[in-house]
């Protein structure tokens, strides 16, 4: 799938999300999403107007910020995040860095 069509769904592995069945998991899909986003507490991507209006460069920058937030703030293992995001064909996953930066 292309980044412009991708929807990232995840549930942090930190309070207050620990009791959720999807805590610590991430997936990437396309819209439309089922009513409850596969049980995930957070989503971002093609379901957001700003994502759809971004050019490829800005979308890549936003994805980088999301990636670091997902790893550092939301405590999703980096390897799991990379694996989930690897289904996005026009993003080089190896180019995403895990250094902390400003939150999304």
N, C-alpha and C. Protein backbone atom coordinates (compact mmCIF):
# COMPACT_ATOMS: atom_id res chain seq x y z
N UNK A 1 0.84 -1.17 0.00
CA UNK A 1 0.00 0.00 0.00
C UNK A 1 0.89 1.23 0.00
N UNK A 2 0.34 2.34 -0.45
CA UNK A 2 1.07 3.60 -0.45
C UNK A 2 0.83 4.33 0.87
N UNK A 3 1.79 5.17 1.24
CA UNK A 3 1.68 5.90 2.50
C UNK A 3 0.41 6.74 2.55
N UNK A 4 0.02 7.32 1.43
CA UNK A 4 -1.17 8.19 1.44
C UNK A 4 -2.44 7.41 1.78
N UNK A 5 -2.42 6.09 1.59
CA UNK A 5 -3.58 5.23 1.86
C UNK A 5 -3.49 4.51 3.21
N UNK A 6 -2.35 4.61 3.86
CA UNK A 6 -2.10 3.84 5.08
C UNK A 6 -2.77 4.46 6.30
N UNK A 7 -3.24 3.60 7.18
CA UNK A 7 -3.74 4.00 8.49
C UNK A 7 -2.98 3.18 9.53
N UNK A 8 -2.28 3.88 10.41
CA UNK A 8 -1.51 3.23 11.46
C UNK A 8 -2.41 3.14 12.69
N UNK A 9 -2.54 1.95 13.23
CA UNK A 9 -3.38 1.71 14.42
C UNK A 9 -2.49 1.09 15.49
N UNK A 10 -2.54 1.65 16.70
CA UNK A 10 -1.73 1.10 17.77
C UNK A 10 -2.35 1.39 19.13
N UNK A 11 -1.93 0.61 20.09
CA UNK A 11 -2.31 0.83 21.48
C UNK A 11 -1.03 0.89 22.30
N UNK A 12 -0.81 1.99 23.00
CA UNK A 12 0.40 2.12 23.82
C UNK A 12 0.51 0.99 24.85
N UNK A 13 1.74 0.71 25.23
CA UNK A 13 2.01 -0.26 26.28
C UNK A 13 2.48 0.49 27.52
N UNK A 14 1.60 1.34 28.01
CA UNK A 14 1.86 2.17 29.19
C UNK A 14 0.51 2.51 29.81
N UNK A 15 0.53 2.95 31.07
CA UNK A 15 -0.72 3.35 31.68
C UNK A 15 -1.34 4.51 30.88
N UNK A 16 -2.61 4.58 30.73
CA UNK A 16 -3.67 3.73 31.28
C UNK A 16 -4.11 2.62 30.33
N UNK A 17 -3.27 2.23 29.40
CA UNK A 17 -3.66 1.28 28.36
C UNK A 17 -3.31 -0.17 28.65
N UNK A 18 -2.58 -0.44 29.73
CA UNK A 18 -2.09 -1.80 30.03
C UNK A 18 -3.18 -2.86 30.06
N UNK A 19 -4.38 -2.49 30.45
CA UNK A 19 -5.44 -3.49 30.58
C UNK A 19 -6.14 -3.79 29.26
N UNK A 20 -5.77 -3.11 28.20
CA UNK A 20 -6.38 -3.33 26.88
C UNK A 20 -5.80 -4.58 26.23
N UNK A 21 -6.62 -5.38 25.55
CA UNK A 21 -6.10 -6.57 24.88
C UNK A 21 -5.08 -6.26 23.79
N UNK A 22 -5.15 -5.06 23.23
CA UNK A 22 -4.22 -4.69 22.15
C UNK A 22 -3.02 -3.91 22.65
N UNK A 23 -2.84 -3.78 23.96
CA UNK A 23 -1.72 -3.01 24.52
C UNK A 23 -0.39 -3.51 23.94
N UNK A 24 0.42 -2.56 23.48
CA UNK A 24 1.74 -2.89 22.97
C UNK A 24 1.75 -3.41 21.55
N UNK A 25 0.64 -3.26 20.83
CA UNK A 25 0.59 -3.77 19.46
C UNK A 25 0.35 -2.64 18.47
N UNK A 26 0.74 -2.89 17.23
CA UNK A 26 0.62 -1.93 16.14
C UNK A 26 0.29 -2.69 14.86
N UNK A 27 -0.49 -2.06 14.00
CA UNK A 27 -0.79 -2.63 12.68
C UNK A 27 -0.99 -1.49 11.71
N UNK A 28 -0.88 -1.79 10.44
CA UNK A 28 -1.14 -0.80 9.39
C UNK A 28 -2.17 -1.40 8.44
N UNK A 29 -3.17 -0.61 8.12
CA UNK A 29 -4.25 -1.06 7.24
C UNK A 29 -4.65 0.11 6.34
N UNK A 30 -5.77 -0.02 5.67
CA UNK A 30 -6.30 1.06 4.85
C UNK A 30 -7.70 1.40 5.32
N UNK A 31 -8.15 2.58 4.97
CA UNK A 31 -9.52 2.99 5.29
C UNK A 31 -10.47 2.35 4.28
N UNK A 32 -11.71 2.16 4.60
CA UNK A 32 -12.33 2.51 5.88
C UNK A 32 -12.03 1.48 6.94
N UNK A 33 -11.99 1.95 8.18
CA UNK A 33 -11.74 1.08 9.32
C UNK A 33 -13.05 0.57 9.89
N UNK A 34 -13.02 -0.58 10.54
CA UNK A 34 -14.22 -1.01 11.25
C UNK A 34 -14.54 -0.03 12.37
N UNK A 35 -15.67 -0.15 12.94
CA UNK A 35 -16.15 0.81 13.92
C UNK A 35 -15.16 1.08 15.04
N UNK A 36 -14.42 0.09 15.48
CA UNK A 36 -13.55 0.28 16.64
C UNK A 36 -12.07 0.15 16.31
N UNK A 37 -11.67 0.45 15.09
CA UNK A 37 -10.25 0.50 14.73
C UNK A 37 -9.48 -0.74 15.16
N UNK A 38 -10.08 -1.90 15.01
CA UNK A 38 -9.46 -3.17 15.37
C UNK A 38 -9.12 -3.23 16.86
N UNK A 39 -9.78 -2.45 17.67
CA UNK A 39 -9.54 -2.45 19.10
C UNK A 39 -8.39 -1.57 19.55
N UNK A 40 -7.74 -0.89 18.62
CA UNK A 40 -6.61 -0.02 18.98
C UNK A 40 -7.10 1.33 19.46
N UNK A 41 -6.34 1.92 20.37
CA UNK A 41 -6.71 3.18 20.99
C UNK A 41 -6.28 4.40 20.19
N UNK A 42 -5.31 4.23 19.30
CA UNK A 42 -4.81 5.37 18.51
C UNK A 42 -4.77 4.99 17.04
N UNK A 43 -5.10 5.95 16.20
CA UNK A 43 -4.98 5.78 14.75
C UNK A 43 -4.47 7.07 14.15
N UNK A 44 -3.74 6.94 13.06
CA UNK A 44 -3.32 8.11 12.30
C UNK A 44 -3.02 7.68 10.88
N UNK A 45 -3.31 8.55 9.95
CA UNK A 45 -3.01 8.29 8.54
C UNK A 45 -4.14 8.74 7.65
N UNK A 46 -4.51 7.89 6.72
CA UNK A 46 -5.49 8.25 5.68
C UNK A 46 -6.86 8.62 6.24
N UNK A 47 -7.11 8.35 7.51
CA UNK A 47 -8.37 8.76 8.13
C UNK A 47 -8.31 10.22 8.59
N UNK A 48 -7.14 10.84 8.50
CA UNK A 48 -6.96 12.23 8.92
C UNK A 48 -6.84 13.14 7.71
N UNK A 49 -7.59 14.22 7.71
CA UNK A 49 -7.59 15.15 6.58
C UNK A 49 -6.20 15.70 6.30
N UNK A 50 -5.46 16.08 7.34
CA UNK A 50 -4.14 16.65 7.09
C UNK A 50 -3.20 15.66 6.42
N UNK A 51 -3.28 14.38 6.78
CA UNK A 51 -2.45 13.33 6.16
C UNK A 51 -2.75 13.24 4.66
N UNK A 52 -4.01 13.27 4.32
CA UNK A 52 -4.41 13.16 2.91
C UNK A 52 -4.00 14.39 2.11
N UNK A 53 -3.88 15.54 2.78
CA UNK A 53 -3.52 16.76 2.07
C UNK A 53 -2.01 16.99 2.00
N UNK A 54 -1.23 16.24 2.76
CA UNK A 54 0.22 16.41 2.76
C UNK A 54 0.82 15.90 1.45
N UNK A 55 1.94 16.52 1.06
CA UNK A 55 2.70 15.94 -0.04
C UNK A 55 3.56 14.81 0.51
N UNK A 56 4.21 14.07 -0.35
CA UNK A 56 4.96 12.88 0.06
C UNK A 56 6.05 13.23 1.07
N UNK A 57 6.73 14.35 0.88
CA UNK A 57 7.80 14.75 1.80
C UNK A 57 7.24 15.01 3.20
N UNK A 58 6.17 15.80 3.29
CA UNK A 58 5.59 16.10 4.60
C UNK A 58 5.01 14.87 5.27
N UNK A 59 4.44 13.98 4.47
CA UNK A 59 3.90 12.73 5.02
C UNK A 59 5.03 11.89 5.60
N UNK A 60 6.15 11.85 4.94
CA UNK A 60 7.33 11.11 5.43
C UNK A 60 7.83 11.70 6.74
N UNK A 61 7.86 13.03 6.83
CA UNK A 61 8.29 13.70 8.06
C UNK A 61 7.32 13.40 9.21
N UNK A 62 6.05 13.42 8.93
CA UNK A 62 5.04 13.11 9.95
C UNK A 62 5.18 11.66 10.40
N UNK A 63 5.41 10.76 9.45
CA UNK A 63 5.60 9.36 9.80
C UNK A 63 6.82 9.18 10.69
N UNK A 64 7.88 9.93 10.43
CA UNK A 64 9.06 9.86 11.28
C UNK A 64 8.72 10.27 12.71
N UNK A 65 7.97 11.35 12.87
CA UNK A 65 7.59 11.79 14.21
C UNK A 65 6.69 10.76 14.89
N UNK A 66 5.75 10.20 14.14
CA UNK A 66 4.90 9.15 14.69
C UNK A 66 5.72 7.94 15.13
N UNK A 67 6.66 7.54 14.30
CA UNK A 67 7.52 6.38 14.59
C UNK A 67 8.24 6.55 15.92
N UNK A 68 8.85 7.72 16.13
CA UNK A 68 9.57 7.92 17.39
C UNK A 68 8.60 8.01 18.57
N UNK A 69 7.44 8.60 18.37
CA UNK A 69 6.43 8.65 19.44
C UNK A 69 5.96 7.25 19.80
N UNK A 70 5.68 6.45 18.79
CA UNK A 70 5.19 5.10 19.00
C UNK A 70 6.21 4.28 19.80
N UNK A 71 7.47 4.46 19.51
CA UNK A 71 8.52 3.71 20.20
C UNK A 71 8.78 4.26 21.60
N UNK A 72 9.00 5.54 21.72
CA UNK A 72 9.46 6.12 22.98
C UNK A 72 8.34 6.49 23.94
N UNK A 73 7.31 7.13 23.47
CA UNK A 73 6.22 7.54 24.37
C UNK A 73 5.23 6.42 24.60
N UNK A 74 4.93 5.67 23.53
CA UNK A 74 3.89 4.64 23.63
C UNK A 74 4.44 3.24 23.86
N UNK A 75 5.76 3.11 23.95
CA UNK A 75 6.43 1.88 24.38
C UNK A 75 6.14 0.65 23.50
N UNK A 76 5.99 0.87 22.22
CA UNK A 76 5.87 -0.23 21.26
C UNK A 76 7.29 -0.63 20.87
N UNK A 77 7.64 -1.91 20.92
CA UNK A 77 9.00 -2.30 20.53
C UNK A 77 9.33 -1.85 19.10
N UNK A 78 10.53 -1.32 18.93
CA UNK A 78 10.94 -0.80 17.62
C UNK A 78 10.80 -1.85 16.52
N UNK A 79 11.19 -3.08 16.80
CA UNK A 79 11.11 -4.12 15.78
C UNK A 79 9.66 -4.35 15.35
N UNK A 80 8.72 -4.27 16.29
CA UNK A 80 7.31 -4.44 15.95
C UNK A 80 6.80 -3.28 15.10
N UNK A 81 7.23 -2.07 15.45
CA UNK A 81 6.83 -0.90 14.68
C UNK A 81 7.38 -0.98 13.26
N UNK A 82 8.64 -1.35 13.13
CA UNK A 82 9.24 -1.47 11.79
C UNK A 82 8.54 -2.55 10.96
N UNK A 83 8.24 -3.66 11.58
CA UNK A 83 7.56 -4.74 10.86
C UNK A 83 6.18 -4.29 10.39
N UNK A 84 5.42 -3.64 11.26
CA UNK A 84 4.09 -3.18 10.87
C UNK A 84 4.16 -2.15 9.74
N UNK A 85 5.10 -1.21 9.84
CA UNK A 85 5.21 -0.16 8.83
C UNK A 85 5.81 -0.66 7.52
N UNK A 86 6.40 -1.84 7.53
CA UNK A 86 7.04 -2.36 6.31
C UNK A 86 6.04 -2.65 5.19
N UNK A 87 4.76 -2.65 5.48
CA UNK A 87 3.76 -2.88 4.43
C UNK A 87 3.52 -1.62 3.59
N UNK A 88 4.11 -0.50 3.99
CA UNK A 88 3.97 0.74 3.22
C UNK A 88 5.05 0.75 2.16
N UNK A 89 4.63 0.62 0.91
CA UNK A 89 5.57 0.42 -0.20
C UNK A 89 6.47 1.61 -0.51
N UNK A 90 5.98 2.82 -0.33
CA UNK A 90 6.76 3.99 -0.74
C UNK A 90 7.52 4.64 0.41
N UNK A 91 7.70 3.91 1.51
CA UNK A 91 8.51 4.38 2.63
C UNK A 91 9.63 3.36 2.86
N UNK A 92 10.86 3.86 2.93
CA UNK A 92 11.99 2.98 3.24
C UNK A 92 12.09 2.90 4.76
N UNK A 93 11.67 1.80 5.30
CA UNK A 93 11.60 1.63 6.75
C UNK A 93 12.98 1.77 7.39
N UNK A 94 14.01 1.33 6.71
CA UNK A 94 15.37 1.44 7.26
C UNK A 94 15.81 2.89 7.40
N UNK A 95 15.15 3.81 6.70
CA UNK A 95 15.49 5.23 6.80
C UNK A 95 14.86 5.90 8.02
N UNK A 96 13.89 5.26 8.63
CA UNK A 96 13.28 5.82 9.84
C UNK A 96 14.24 5.62 11.00
N UNK A 97 14.52 6.68 11.74
CA UNK A 97 15.43 6.53 12.88
C UNK A 97 14.62 6.56 14.17
N UNK A 98 15.19 5.97 15.18
CA UNK A 98 14.47 5.85 16.45
C UNK A 98 14.95 6.85 17.50
N UNK A 99 15.73 7.83 17.09
CA UNK A 99 16.17 8.86 18.03
C UNK A 99 14.97 9.69 18.44
N UNK A 100 14.91 10.04 19.72
CA UNK A 100 13.82 10.87 20.20
C UNK A 100 13.92 12.26 19.62
N UNK A 101 12.75 12.82 19.32
CA UNK A 101 12.64 14.18 18.84
C UNK A 101 11.34 14.75 19.36
N UNK A 102 10.93 15.90 18.91
CA UNK A 102 9.69 16.49 19.38
C UNK A 102 8.53 15.54 19.16
N UNK A 103 7.61 15.54 20.12
CA UNK A 103 6.43 14.68 19.99
C UNK A 103 5.53 15.21 18.90
N UNK A 104 4.68 14.33 18.41
CA UNK A 104 3.74 14.66 17.36
C UNK A 104 2.74 15.66 17.86
